Amino acid sequence: MKWFLIFWAGPTVFLAGWYWLSYYDLNFGIFMLTRQVHDLTFEIYGKALGLPPQEIPPLVARAIAVDSLVVFAIMGLRKRRQIAAWWRARHASVSSADLASKESLSSAP
């Protein structure tokens, strides 16, 4: 599961980092992080997909969001017993007798 998360998060973080740095032209002397490469990349993808270049980043963001939901659903499915035990223990520790104790009741007239 650790490698699954690494292979999911690694490219996602790399893509987000590249997009943010190149969008704001924070290149640190690296050509791949320039705004020219950013615009050229989306122009090439736009021509290949037949879409305007400005429509591609929201599509990629939605794809990352859907992929993230799938990854977290898989993690939840694999750890459902632990999550259910945690949930039951959390709700079992708070009883109605604890909520209505003498210390918690108001002494206002």
Protein backbone atom coordinates (compact mmCIF):
# COMPACT_ATOMS: atom_id res chain seq x y z
CA MET A 1 0.00 0.00 0.00
CA LYS A 2 2.92 2.32 0.71
CA TRP A 3 4.24 1.92 -2.84
CA PHE A 4 0.76 2.41 -4.24
CA LEU A 5 0.56 5.78 -2.49
CA ILE A 6 4.07 6.73 -3.55
CA PHE A 7 3.35 5.94 -7.20
CA TRP A 8 0.12 7.96 -6.98
CA ALA A 9 1.40 10.95 -5.00
CA GLY A 10 4.77 11.28 -6.74
CA PRO A 11 3.52 12.16 -10.22
CA THR A 12 0.66 14.23 -8.77
CA VAL A 13 3.01 16.37 -6.68
CA PHE A 14 5.49 16.63 -9.57
CA LEU A 15 2.78 17.79 -11.99
CA ALA A 16 1.30 20.27 -9.51
CA GLY A 17 4.74 21.65 -8.68
CA TRP A 18 5.70 22.02 -12.32
CA TYR A 19 2.39 23.66 -13.17
CA TRP A 20 2.59 26.17 -10.31
CA LEU A 21 6.24 27.07 -10.84
CA SER A 22 5.93 27.40 -14.62
CA TYR A 23 2.62 29.29 -14.42
CA TYR A 24 4.23 31.96 -12.24
CA ASP A 25 7.54 31.73 -14.17
CA LEU A 26 9.58 30.82 -11.08
CA ASN A 27 12.21 29.01 -13.13
CA PHE A 28 15.39 29.23 -10.98
CA GLY A 29 17.36 29.09 -14.24
CA ILE A 30 15.74 25.81 -15.33
CA PHE A 31 14.28 25.98 -18.82
CA MET A 32 11.51 23.46 -18.08
CA LEU A 33 10.04 25.81 -15.47
CA THR A 34 9.71 28.84 -17.75
CA ARG A 35 6.39 30.28 -18.83
CA GLN A 36 7.36 29.66 -22.47
CA VAL A 37 7.53 25.91 -21.89
CA HIS A 38 4.27 26.08 -19.92
CA ASP A 39 2.44 27.77 -22.80
CA LEU A 40 4.05 25.53 -25.42
CA THR A 41 3.12 22.38 -23.48
CA PHE A 42 -0.53 23.30 -23.27
CA GLU A 43 -0.55 24.47 -26.89
CA ILE A 44 0.76 21.08 -28.02
CA TYR A 45 -1.74 19.20 -25.84
CA GLY A 46 -4.50 21.49 -27.07
CA LYS A 47 -3.72 20.74 -30.71
CA ALA A 48 -3.45 17.02 -30.01
CA LEU A 49 -6.80 16.95 -28.18
CA GLY A 50 -8.55 19.50 -30.37
CA LEU A 51 -9.23 21.77 -27.39
CA PRO A 52 -8.26 25.34 -26.59
CA PRO A 53 -5.14 25.32 -24.36
CA GLN A 54 -6.89 27.19 -21.53
CA GLU A 55 -9.42 24.35 -21.10
CA ILE A 56 -6.83 21.69 -20.35
CA PRO A 57 -5.73 22.64 -16.76
CA PRO A 58 -9.28 22.36 -15.31
CA LEU A 59 -9.68 18.99 -17.00
CA VAL A 60 -6.41 17.78 -15.48
CA ALA A 61 -7.45 19.09 -12.05
CA ARG A 62 -10.76 17.19 -12.27
CA ALA A 63 -8.93 14.04 -13.33
CA ILE A 64 -6.58 14.35 -10.35
CA ALA A 65 -9.55 14.88 -8.02
CA VAL A 66 -11.34 11.78 -9.33
CA ASP A 67 -8.14 9.72 -9.12
CA SER A 68 -7.63 10.91 -5.55
CA LEU A 69 -11.16 9.86 -4.60
CA VAL A 70 -10.54 6.42 -6.09
CA VAL A 71 -7.23 6.08 -4.21
CA PHE A 72 -8.80 7.11 -0.89
CA ALA A 73 -11.75 4.78 -1.49
CA ILE A 74 -9.35 1.89 -2.05
CA MET A 75 -7.49 2.82 1.15
CA GLY A 76 -10.77 3.01 3.07
CA LEU A 77 -11.90 -0.32 1.68
CA ARG A 78 -8.67 -1.98 2.73
CA LYS A 79 -8.81 -0.52 6.24
CA ARG A 80 -12.58 -0.70 6.77
CA ARG A 81 -12.33 -2.99 9.80
CA GLN A 82 -9.92 -0.66 11.57
CA ILE A 83 -12.05 2.36 10.70
CA ALA A 84 -15.23 0.63 11.95
CA ALA A 85 -13.50 -0.39 15.20
CA TRP A 86 -12.27 3.17 15.73
CA TRP A 87 -15.78 4.52 15.05
CA ARG A 88 -17.41 2.09 17.49
CA ALA A 89 -14.82 2.82 20.19
CA ARG A 90 -15.30 6.54 19.72
CA HIS A 91 -19.06 6.35 20.13
CA ALA A 92 -18.95 3.78 22.92
CA SER A 93 -16.78 6.01 25.12
CA VAL A 94 -19.46 8.71 25.27
CA SER A 95 -22.53 7.46 27.10
CA SER A 96 -25.73 9.32 27.91
CA ALA A 97 -25.00 9.04 31.65
CA ASP A 98 -21.80 11.03 31.18
CA LEU A 99 -23.69 13.79 29.40
CA ALA A 100 -26.30 14.23 32.16
CA SER A 101 -24.03 14.19 35.22
CA LYS A 102 -24.57 16.60 38.11
CA GLU A 103 -21.44 18.58 37.18
CA SER A 104 -22.68 19.27 33.67
CA LEU A 105 -26.15 20.49 34.69
CA SER A 106 -26.81 24.17 35.22
CA SER A 107 -27.43 25.47 38.74
CA ALA A 108 -29.11 28.66 37.53
CA PRO A 109 -32.36 29.62 39.30
